[in-house]
Every structure is written in C-alpha cells, then in structure tokens.
C-alpha cells in the first residue's frame, strides 16, 4: 500500500493529506490563529492521480457538509493502525453524530472502561485522521473543550459550524 502525501491548498491554509489507492490515511491541518473570515474551499489539489482526485473530491464534499452541520458520507478512509483500545475509541468517535458532543468520561463509560477518560484523551490525540474520525466532538467533563491535535481554534471552529452557530 503505497502512500502519497498531497498538499491541498485551501482558503484556510495548506492541508497535508496522505492517501493510498484505498483512501485517506492521515490529515494534517494548518495552525489557525483565529477563525477564518472566508468560506472554506479547496483551491488546488496539486499533482494527483485519478484515485487521489476521487478521494479529495469526497473530502471536499464531507468538509462542506460538516461546516454547515449536515451529515455526509465519509470519504474513503484507511483506518489507522493502533492499539486495540485506540481502535475501539476511534470506532466510537465515528458514531458521534454531527453537531453532538460527549465527554471523555462518557466515551470511556460507553466502552465499559469507566476509569479510562485520560486514555480516551490519549487515543483522541493519537488519531491521525482528525475531522473524519471526529475527536473534536469530545469535550471535558467540566464543560471545557479539552484538547485537539490540530489546536483549539480548529476545535472551536468545527464545533461552532457543526452546531450551526458559526
């Protein structure tokens, strides 16, 4: 399975998306200092193969829907390797509906691991496909945001858009 890293130019900065012929395997989002004032759009896919373009068009559809709080089928994904527990957490994250959130503790209890909220947070931080395995939908029990591998400005932005309040 040969992976290709593609730099995708967007109105919200350059995204690094790793793909294979089977699907997206990793996403690295650019740092955001503040909420972008322009709508999200992919400006340039760069040099890509036909399967890359198919995956990136599916990424565009998914992100467009996500940012208006509408459910949309995921682009083709290759789920990352990880520990058994990480795999359980990542599968559970994919069940959280657009616009909904749950706490790290609620997710841990849902996995029958009531004392594993920190481990859930660690699994969220190890997620190489943020947005698509939606770890941004997990928050702290005290009402705070918790963390996000791409930074809290991204988490705020995604949650606000999904809730329809952006």
N, C-alpha and C. Protein backbone atom coordinates (compact mmCIF):
# COMPACT_ATOMS: atom_id res chain seq x y z
N UNK A 1 0.86 -1.17 0.00
CA UNK A 1 0.00 0.00 0.00
C UNK A 1 0.90 1.23 0.00
N UNK A 2 1.09 1.83 -1.15
CA UNK A 2 1.95 2.99 -1.31
C UNK A 2 1.18 4.26 -0.95
N UNK A 3 1.71 5.01 0.01
CA UNK A 3 1.06 6.25 0.45
C UNK A 3 1.66 7.44 -0.27
N UNK A 4 0.80 8.40 -0.57
CA UNK A 4 1.24 9.65 -1.19
C UNK A 4 0.79 10.80 -0.30
N UNK A 5 1.70 11.73 -0.05
CA UNK A 5 1.34 12.94 0.69
C UNK A 5 1.02 14.03 -0.33
N UNK A 6 -0.14 14.62 -0.18
CA UNK A 6 -0.59 15.65 -1.11
C UNK A 6 -0.78 16.94 -0.32
N UNK A 7 -0.23 18.02 -0.83
CA UNK A 7 -0.50 19.33 -0.25
C UNK A 7 -1.72 19.89 -0.96
N UNK A 8 -2.76 20.13 -0.18
CA UNK A 8 -4.01 20.65 -0.73
C UNK A 8 -4.13 22.10 -0.30
N UNK A 9 -4.14 23.00 -1.25
CA UNK A 9 -4.27 24.43 -0.95
C UNK A 9 -5.74 24.73 -0.72
N UNK A 10 -6.05 25.30 0.45
CA UNK A 10 -7.42 25.68 0.76
C UNK A 10 -7.44 27.15 1.19
N UNK A 11 -8.63 27.69 1.27
CA UNK A 11 -8.78 29.06 1.74
C UNK A 11 -8.45 29.17 3.23
N UNK A 12 -8.32 28.05 3.90
CA UNK A 12 -7.97 28.03 5.32
C UNK A 12 -6.56 27.49 5.54
N UNK A 13 -5.70 27.63 4.57
CA UNK A 13 -4.33 27.18 4.70
C UNK A 13 -4.10 25.86 3.98
N UNK A 14 -2.85 25.46 3.94
CA UNK A 14 -2.47 24.23 3.25
C UNK A 14 -2.68 23.02 4.15
N UNK A 15 -3.40 22.05 3.65
CA UNK A 15 -3.62 20.78 4.35
C UNK A 15 -2.68 19.76 3.75
N UNK A 16 -2.14 18.90 4.59
CA UNK A 16 -1.37 17.74 4.12
C UNK A 16 -2.29 16.53 4.28
N UNK A 17 -2.58 15.87 3.17
CA UNK A 17 -3.45 14.71 3.20
C UNK A 17 -2.67 13.54 2.62
N UNK A 18 -2.56 12.48 3.39
CA UNK A 18 -1.89 11.26 2.93
C UNK A 18 -2.97 10.30 2.43
N UNK A 19 -2.77 9.78 1.22
CA UNK A 19 -3.73 8.85 0.64
C UNK A 19 -3.03 7.62 0.10
N UNK A 20 -3.80 6.60 -0.07
CA UNK A 20 -3.41 5.43 -0.84
C UNK A 20 -4.51 5.23 -1.87
N UNK A 21 -4.37 4.25 -2.72
CA UNK A 21 -5.44 3.96 -3.68
C UNK A 21 -6.74 3.61 -2.94
N UNK A 22 -6.63 3.12 -1.71
CA UNK A 22 -7.81 2.71 -0.94
C UNK A 22 -8.49 3.87 -0.21
N UNK A 23 -7.77 4.95 0.08
CA UNK A 23 -8.40 6.06 0.78
C UNK A 23 -7.43 6.92 1.55
N UNK A 24 -8.00 7.84 2.32
CA UNK A 24 -7.25 8.79 3.14
C UNK A 24 -6.71 8.05 4.36
N UNK A 25 -5.42 8.27 4.67
CA UNK A 25 -4.82 7.62 5.83
C UNK A 25 -4.37 8.61 6.90
N UNK A 26 -4.21 9.88 6.54
CA UNK A 26 -3.81 10.88 7.52
C UNK A 26 -4.14 12.27 7.00
N UNK A 27 -4.40 13.18 7.95
CA UNK A 27 -4.68 14.58 7.63
C UNK A 27 -3.93 15.44 8.62
N UNK A 28 -3.20 16.42 8.12
CA UNK A 28 -2.51 17.38 8.97
C UNK A 28 -3.07 18.76 8.62
N UNK A 29 -3.76 19.37 9.57
CA UNK A 29 -4.38 20.67 9.34
C UNK A 29 -3.42 21.78 9.72
N UNK A 30 -3.47 22.92 9.02
CA UNK A 30 -2.58 24.02 9.35
C UNK A 30 -3.01 24.69 10.66
N UNK A 31 -2.08 25.35 11.30
CA UNK A 31 -2.40 26.09 12.52
C UNK A 31 -3.35 27.24 12.18
N UNK A 32 -4.30 27.47 13.04
CA UNK A 32 -5.22 28.61 12.90
C UNK A 32 -5.00 29.55 14.07
N UNK A 33 -4.73 30.80 13.80
CA UNK A 33 -4.60 31.78 14.87
C UNK A 33 -5.97 32.28 15.30
N UNK A 34 -6.90 32.34 14.35
CA UNK A 34 -8.26 32.79 14.62
C UNK A 34 -9.19 32.17 13.59
N UNK A 35 -10.47 32.36 13.79
CA UNK A 35 -11.46 31.81 12.87
C UNK A 35 -11.32 32.47 11.50
N UNK A 36 -11.21 31.68 10.44
CA UNK A 36 -11.11 32.26 9.10
C UNK A 36 -12.36 33.07 8.76
N UNK A 37 -12.18 34.15 8.03
CA UNK A 37 -13.29 35.01 7.63
C UNK A 37 -13.85 34.67 6.26
N UNK A 38 -13.16 33.80 5.54
CA UNK A 38 -13.62 33.41 4.21
C UNK A 38 -14.18 31.99 4.28
N UNK A 39 -15.11 31.65 3.41
CA UNK A 39 -15.64 30.28 3.39
C UNK A 39 -14.55 29.28 3.03
N UNK A 40 -14.70 28.08 3.53
CA UNK A 40 -13.76 27.02 3.20
C UNK A 40 -13.92 26.62 1.74
N UNK A 41 -12.82 26.46 1.06
CA UNK A 41 -12.83 25.93 -0.31
C UNK A 41 -11.46 25.35 -0.61
N UNK A 42 -11.46 24.25 -1.35
CA UNK A 42 -10.20 23.72 -1.86
C UNK A 42 -9.88 24.50 -3.12
N UNK A 43 -8.68 25.08 -3.16
CA UNK A 43 -8.27 25.90 -4.29
C UNK A 43 -7.47 25.10 -5.31
N UNK A 44 -6.68 24.14 -4.82
CA UNK A 44 -5.79 23.43 -5.72
C UNK A 44 -5.45 22.08 -5.09
N UNK A 45 -5.69 21.01 -5.85
CA UNK A 45 -5.34 19.66 -5.38
C UNK A 45 -3.88 19.33 -5.59
N UNK A 46 -3.16 20.14 -6.33
CA UNK A 46 -1.78 19.81 -6.64
C UNK A 46 -1.71 18.69 -7.66
N UNK A 47 -0.56 18.06 -7.76
CA UNK A 47 -0.38 16.95 -8.69
C UNK A 47 -0.95 15.69 -8.05
N UNK A 48 -1.95 15.12 -8.70
CA UNK A 48 -2.63 13.98 -8.11
C UNK A 48 -2.92 12.91 -9.17
N UNK A 49 -3.18 11.71 -8.67
CA UNK A 49 -3.65 10.63 -9.53
C UNK A 49 -5.17 10.68 -9.58
N UNK A 50 -5.78 9.87 -10.43
CA UNK A 50 -7.24 9.88 -10.50
C UNK A 50 -7.85 9.39 -9.19
N UNK A 51 -7.25 8.39 -8.53
CA UNK A 51 -7.81 7.94 -7.24
C UNK A 51 -7.65 9.03 -6.19
N UNK A 52 -6.51 9.76 -6.20
CA UNK A 52 -6.33 10.88 -5.28
C UNK A 52 -7.45 11.90 -5.48
N UNK A 53 -7.70 12.27 -6.73
CA UNK A 53 -8.73 13.27 -7.03
C UNK A 53 -10.10 12.80 -6.54
N UNK A 54 -10.40 11.52 -6.74
CA UNK A 54 -11.67 10.97 -6.25
C UNK A 54 -11.76 11.12 -4.74
N UNK A 55 -10.68 10.75 -4.03
CA UNK A 55 -10.66 10.87 -2.57
C UNK A 55 -10.78 12.33 -2.14
N UNK A 56 -10.06 13.22 -2.82
CA UNK A 56 -10.06 14.63 -2.44
C UNK A 56 -11.42 15.29 -2.72
N UNK A 57 -12.09 14.88 -3.77
CA UNK A 57 -13.44 15.40 -4.03
C UNK A 57 -14.39 14.93 -2.93
N UNK A 58 -14.22 13.70 -2.47
CA UNK A 58 -15.03 13.19 -1.35
C UNK A 58 -14.70 13.95 -0.07
N UNK A 59 -13.42 14.29 0.13
CA UNK A 59 -13.01 15.11 1.28
C UNK A 59 -13.72 16.46 1.20
N UNK A 60 -13.71 17.09 0.03
CA UNK A 60 -14.36 18.40 -0.15
C UNK A 60 -15.86 18.31 0.20
N UNK A 61 -16.55 17.30 -0.32
CA UNK A 61 -17.99 17.15 -0.03
C UNK A 61 -18.22 16.98 1.46
N UNK A 62 -17.39 16.14 2.10
CA UNK A 62 -17.55 15.89 3.53
C UNK A 62 -17.31 17.16 4.34
N UNK A 63 -16.23 17.86 4.05
CA UNK A 63 -15.91 19.08 4.82
C UNK A 63 -16.98 20.15 4.58
N UNK A 64 -17.43 20.31 3.35
CA UNK A 64 -18.50 21.28 3.06
C UNK A 64 -19.74 20.97 3.90
N UNK A 65 -20.13 19.71 3.95
CA UNK A 65 -21.31 19.31 4.72
C UNK A 65 -21.07 19.51 6.22
N UNK A 66 -19.89 19.12 6.67
CA UNK A 66 -19.54 19.25 8.09
C UNK A 66 -19.66 20.70 8.55
N UNK A 67 -19.23 21.62 7.71
CA UNK A 67 -19.20 23.03 8.09
C UNK A 67 -20.58 23.69 8.06
N UNK A 68 -21.58 22.99 7.56
CA UNK A 68 -22.95 23.51 7.67
C UNK A 68 -23.78 22.63 8.58
N UNK A 69 -23.13 21.68 9.26
CA UNK A 69 -23.81 20.85 10.24
C UNK A 69 -24.68 19.77 9.63
N UNK A 70 -24.36 19.34 8.42
CA UNK A 70 -25.14 18.32 7.72
C UNK A 70 -24.37 17.01 7.67
N UNK A 71 -25.00 15.90 8.03
CA UNK A 71 -24.30 14.63 7.87
C UNK A 71 -23.99 14.35 6.40
N UNK A 72 -22.87 13.68 6.17
CA UNK A 72 -22.44 13.35 4.82
C UNK A 72 -21.61 12.08 4.92
N UNK A 73 -21.67 11.23 3.90
CA UNK A 73 -20.82 10.04 3.94
C UNK A 73 -19.34 10.41 4.03
N UNK A 74 -18.61 9.62 4.77
CA UNK A 74 -17.16 9.82 4.89
C UNK A 74 -16.48 9.56 3.55
N UNK A 75 -15.36 10.25 3.31
CA UNK A 75 -14.56 9.88 2.15
C UNK A 75 -13.97 8.49 2.41
N UNK A 76 -13.45 7.83 1.39
CA UNK A 76 -12.80 6.53 1.63
C UNK A 76 -11.65 6.72 2.63
N UNK A 77 -11.65 5.93 3.67
CA UNK A 77 -10.62 6.01 4.71
C UNK A 77 -9.93 4.67 4.85
N UNK A 78 -8.67 4.72 5.21
CA UNK A 78 -7.95 3.53 5.64
C UNK A 78 -7.72 3.76 7.13
N UNK A 79 -8.44 3.00 7.95
CA UNK A 79 -8.34 3.22 9.39
C UNK A 79 -6.92 2.95 9.85
N UNK A 80 -6.43 3.83 10.72
CA UNK A 80 -5.02 3.73 11.13
C UNK A 80 -4.76 2.53 12.03
N UNK A 81 -3.52 2.12 12.02
CA UNK A 81 -3.08 1.09 12.96
C UNK A 81 -3.04 1.74 14.34
N UNK A 82 -3.29 0.97 15.33
CA UNK A 82 -3.24 1.47 16.70
C UNK A 82 -3.48 0.31 17.65
N UNK A 83 -3.44 0.61 18.92
CA UNK A 83 -3.71 -0.44 19.91
C UNK A 83 -5.18 -0.84 19.81
N UNK A 84 -5.51 -1.94 20.41
CA UNK A 84 -6.91 -2.39 20.43
C UNK A 84 -7.81 -1.32 21.06
N UNK A 85 -7.34 -0.72 22.15
CA UNK A 85 -8.13 0.32 22.81
C UNK A 85 -8.29 1.55 21.90
N UNK A 86 -7.21 1.99 21.24
CA UNK A 86 -7.31 3.12 20.32
C UNK A 86 -8.32 2.83 19.22
N UNK A 87 -8.28 1.62 18.66
CA UNK A 87 -9.23 1.24 17.63
C UNK A 87 -10.67 1.32 18.15
N UNK A 88 -10.89 0.87 19.39
CA UNK A 88 -12.23 0.95 19.99
C UNK A 88 -12.67 2.40 20.12
N UNK A 89 -11.77 3.26 20.59
CA UNK A 89 -12.10 4.68 20.76
C UNK A 89 -12.39 5.30 19.39
N UNK A 90 -11.56 5.04 18.40
CA UNK A 90 -11.76 5.64 17.08
C UNK A 90 -13.07 5.19 16.45
N UNK A 91 -13.42 3.92 16.63
CA UNK A 91 -14.72 3.45 16.11
C UNK A 91 -15.87 4.15 16.84
N UNK A 92 -15.74 4.32 18.16
CA UNK A 92 -16.78 5.00 18.93
C UNK A 92 -16.90 6.47 18.51
N UNK A 93 -15.78 7.12 18.23
CA UNK A 93 -15.82 8.52 17.79
C UNK A 93 -16.62 8.66 16.50
N UNK A 94 -16.49 7.70 15.62
CA UNK A 94 -17.17 7.77 14.34
C UNK A 94 -18.69 7.59 14.48
N UNK A 95 -19.14 7.22 15.68
CA UNK A 95 -20.58 7.07 15.93
C UNK A 95 -21.21 8.34 16.51
N UNK A 96 -20.40 9.32 16.88
CA UNK A 96 -20.93 10.57 17.43
C UNK A 96 -21.49 11.38 16.27
N UNK A 97 -22.78 11.71 16.29
CA UNK A 97 -23.38 12.43 15.16
C UNK A 97 -22.84 13.85 15.01
N UNK A 98 -22.90 14.36 13.79
CA UNK A 98 -22.55 15.75 13.50
C UNK A 98 -23.39 16.64 14.42
N UNK A 99 -22.75 17.61 15.06
CA UNK A 99 -23.45 18.54 15.93
C UNK A 99 -23.58 18.08 17.36
N UNK A 100 -23.22 16.85 17.65
CA UNK A 100 -23.30 16.32 19.02
C UNK A 100 -21.91 16.27 19.63
N UNK A 101 -21.87 16.27 20.95
CA UNK A 101 -20.60 16.08 21.66
C UNK A 101 -20.82 15.09 22.79
N UNK A 102 -19.75 14.55 23.29
CA UNK A 102 -19.77 13.76 24.51
C UNK A 102 -18.46 14.01 25.24
N UNK A 103 -18.43 13.69 26.51
CA UNK A 103 -17.21 13.92 27.27
C UNK A 103 -16.29 12.70 27.16
N UNK A 104 -15.03 12.93 27.51
CA UNK A 104 -14.07 11.84 27.53
C UNK A 104 -14.57 10.72 28.45
N UNK A 105 -15.13 11.10 29.60
CA UNK A 105 -15.65 10.12 30.56
C UNK A 105 -16.84 9.36 30.01
N UNK A 106 -17.75 10.05 29.33
CA UNK A 106 -18.91 9.37 28.74
C UNK A 106 -18.45 8.34 27.70
N UNK A 107 -17.47 8.73 26.90
CA UNK A 107 -16.95 7.81 25.90
C UNK A 107 -16.31 6.60 26.57
N UNK A 108 -15.54 6.84 27.63
CA UNK A 108 -14.90 5.75 28.36
C UNK A 108 -15.95 4.81 28.96
N UNK A 109 -16.99 5.37 29.57
CA UNK A 109 -18.05 4.53 30.13
C UNK A 109 -18.75 3.73 29.04
N UNK A 110 -18.95 4.33 27.87
CA UNK A 110 -19.57 3.63 26.75
C UNK A 110 -18.74 2.44 26.26
N UNK A 111 -17.45 2.47 26.55
CA UNK A 111 -16.55 1.37 26.18
C UNK A 111 -16.36 0.40 27.34
N UNK A 112 -17.16 0.55 28.40
CA UNK A 112 -17.05 -0.26 29.62
C UNK A 112 -15.68 -0.12 30.28
N UNK A 113 -15.12 1.08 30.18
CA UNK A 113 -13.84 1.41 30.82
C UNK A 113 -14.05 2.72 31.60
N UNK A 114 -14.86 2.70 32.65
CA UNK A 114 -15.26 3.95 33.31
C UNK A 114 -14.11 4.79 33.88
N UNK A 115 -12.96 4.21 34.10
CA UNK A 115 -11.83 4.95 34.66
C UNK A 115 -10.80 5.32 33.59
N UNK A 116 -11.19 5.24 32.33
CA UNK A 116 -10.22 5.42 31.24
C UNK A 116 -10.40 6.73 30.49
N UNK A 117 -10.93 7.76 31.14
CA UNK A 117 -11.15 9.01 30.40
C UNK A 117 -9.84 9.62 29.91
N UNK A 118 -8.77 9.52 30.68
CA UNK A 118 -7.48 10.03 30.21
C UNK A 118 -6.95 9.21 29.04
N UNK A 119 -7.15 7.91 29.09
CA UNK A 119 -6.73 7.05 27.98
C UNK A 119 -7.53 7.37 26.73
N UNK A 120 -8.82 7.71 26.89
CA UNK A 120 -9.62 8.14 25.75
C UNK A 120 -9.01 9.40 25.15
N UNK A 121 -8.63 10.34 26.01
CA UNK A 121 -7.98 11.57 25.53
C UNK A 121 -6.69 11.29 24.79
N UNK A 122 -5.91 10.34 25.30
CA UNK A 122 -4.66 9.97 24.64
C UNK A 122 -4.95 9.34 23.27
N UNK A 123 -5.97 8.50 23.18
CA UNK A 123 -6.34 7.89 21.89
C UNK A 123 -6.83 8.96 20.92
N UNK A 124 -7.57 9.95 21.43
CA UNK A 124 -8.01 11.05 20.56
C UNK A 124 -6.79 11.81 20.02
N UNK A 125 -5.82 12.06 20.87
CA UNK A 125 -4.61 12.77 20.45
C UNK A 125 -3.78 12.00 19.46
N UNK A 126 -3.89 10.67 19.45
CA UNK A 126 -3.13 9.84 18.52
C UNK A 126 -3.85 9.62 17.19
N UNK A 127 -5.04 10.17 17.06
CA UNK A 127 -5.85 9.99 15.86
C UNK A 127 -5.20 10.72 14.68
N UNK A 128 -4.76 9.99 13.64
CA UNK A 128 -4.12 10.64 12.50
C UNK A 128 -5.10 11.21 11.46
N UNK A 129 -6.39 10.97 11.66
CA UNK A 129 -7.36 11.45 10.68
C UNK A 129 -8.41 12.34 11.37
N UNK A 130 -7.96 13.47 11.97
CA UNK A 130 -8.95 14.36 12.59
C UNK A 130 -9.92 14.86 11.53
N UNK A 131 -11.08 15.23 11.91
CA UNK A 131 -12.23 15.58 11.08
C UNK A 131 -13.01 14.33 10.72
N UNK A 132 -12.34 13.31 10.19
CA UNK A 132 -13.02 12.12 9.70
C UNK A 132 -13.24 11.09 10.80
N UNK A 133 -12.29 10.97 11.70
CA UNK A 133 -12.52 10.30 12.98
C UNK A 133 -12.66 11.48 13.95
N UNK A 134 -13.90 11.90 14.23
CA UNK A 134 -14.17 13.23 14.79
C UNK A 134 -13.87 13.39 16.28
N UNK A 135 -12.59 13.39 16.63
CA UNK A 135 -12.20 13.57 18.02
C UNK A 135 -12.52 14.98 18.52
N UNK A 136 -12.80 15.91 17.60
CA UNK A 136 -13.17 17.27 18.03
C UNK A 136 -14.53 17.28 18.74
N UNK A 137 -15.30 16.22 18.64
CA UNK A 137 -16.62 16.15 19.28
C UNK A 137 -16.56 15.66 20.72
N UNK A 138 -15.35 15.47 21.24
CA UNK A 138 -15.18 15.02 22.62
C UNK A 138 -14.67 16.19 23.45
N UNK A 139 -15.36 16.45 24.56
CA UNK A 139 -15.05 17.59 25.41
C UNK A 139 -14.78 17.15 26.85
N UNK A 140 -14.31 18.09 27.65
CA UNK A 140 -14.01 17.81 29.05
C UNK A 140 -15.30 17.80 29.88
N UNK A 141 -15.28 17.08 30.97
CA UNK A 141 -16.44 16.96 31.84
C UNK A 141 -16.83 18.29 32.48
N UNK A 142 -15.85 19.18 32.66
CA UNK A 142 -16.12 20.46 33.31
C UNK A 142 -16.71 21.50 32.34
N UNK A 143 -17.03 21.07 31.13
CA UNK A 143 -17.59 21.99 30.15
C UNK A 143 -16.54 22.62 29.26
N UNK A 144 -15.26 22.39 29.55
CA UNK A 144 -14.19 22.93 28.72
C UNK A 144 -14.04 22.11 27.45
N UNK A 145 -13.21 22.61 26.57
CA UNK A 145 -13.02 21.94 25.29
C UNK A 145 -12.17 20.69 25.38
N UNK A 146 -11.26 20.62 26.33
CA UNK A 146 -10.28 19.54 26.33
C UNK A 146 -9.20 19.90 25.32
N UNK A 147 -8.67 18.93 24.62
CA UNK A 147 -7.62 19.19 23.65
C UNK A 147 -8.06 18.84 22.24
N UNK A 148 -7.18 19.11 21.30
CA UNK A 148 -7.39 18.72 19.90
C UNK A 148 -6.03 18.75 19.22
N UNK A 149 -5.71 17.70 18.51
CA UNK A 149 -4.38 17.58 17.91
C UNK A 149 -4.06 18.69 16.93
N UNK A 150 -5.06 19.27 16.32
CA UNK A 150 -4.83 20.37 15.36
C UNK A 150 -4.96 21.74 16.01
N UNK A 151 -5.17 21.78 17.32
CA UNK A 151 -5.26 23.04 18.05
C UNK A 151 -6.69 23.42 18.39
N UNK A 152 -6.84 24.13 19.50
CA UNK A 152 -8.17 24.52 19.96
C UNK A 152 -8.91 25.46 19.01
N UNK A 153 -8.23 26.36 18.25
CA UNK A 153 -9.00 27.15 17.29
C UNK A 153 -9.76 26.27 16.29
N UNK A 154 -9.15 25.17 15.84
CA UNK A 154 -9.85 24.25 14.95
C UNK A 154 -11.04 23.62 15.65
N UNK A 155 -10.83 23.19 16.90
CA UNK A 155 -11.92 22.53 17.63
C UNK A 155 -13.09 23.49 17.80
N UNK A 156 -12.82 24.72 18.20
CA UNK A 156 -13.88 25.72 18.35
C UNK A 156 -14.62 25.94 17.03
N UNK A 157 -13.85 26.10 15.97
CA UNK A 157 -14.42 26.35 14.64
C UNK A 157 -15.31 25.19 14.21
N UNK A 158 -14.81 23.97 14.32
CA UNK A 158 -15.58 22.80 13.89
C UNK A 158 -16.86 22.63 14.71
N UNK A 159 -16.75 22.78 16.03
CA UNK A 159 -17.94 22.62 16.87
C UNK A 159 -18.97 23.71 16.59
N UNK A 160 -18.50 24.93 16.38
CA UNK A 160 -19.43 26.03 16.08
C UNK A 160 -20.14 25.80 14.75
N UNK A 161 -19.40 25.39 13.74
CA UNK A 161 -20.00 25.12 12.43
C UNK A 161 -20.97 23.96 12.51
N UNK A 162 -20.59 22.89 13.19
CA UNK A 162 -21.48 21.74 13.29
C UNK A 162 -22.75 22.07 14.04
N UNK A 163 -22.66 22.97 15.01
CA UNK A 163 -23.84 23.36 15.78
C UNK A 163 -24.68 24.40 15.03
N UNK A 164 -24.14 24.88 13.90
CA UNK A 164 -24.88 25.85 13.10
C UNK A 164 -24.79 27.26 13.64
N UNK A 165 -23.82 27.51 14.53
CA UNK A 165 -23.73 28.83 15.14
C UNK A 165 -22.54 29.63 14.62
N UNK A 166 -21.88 29.15 13.58
CA UNK A 166 -20.72 29.88 13.07
C UNK A 166 -21.17 30.99 12.12
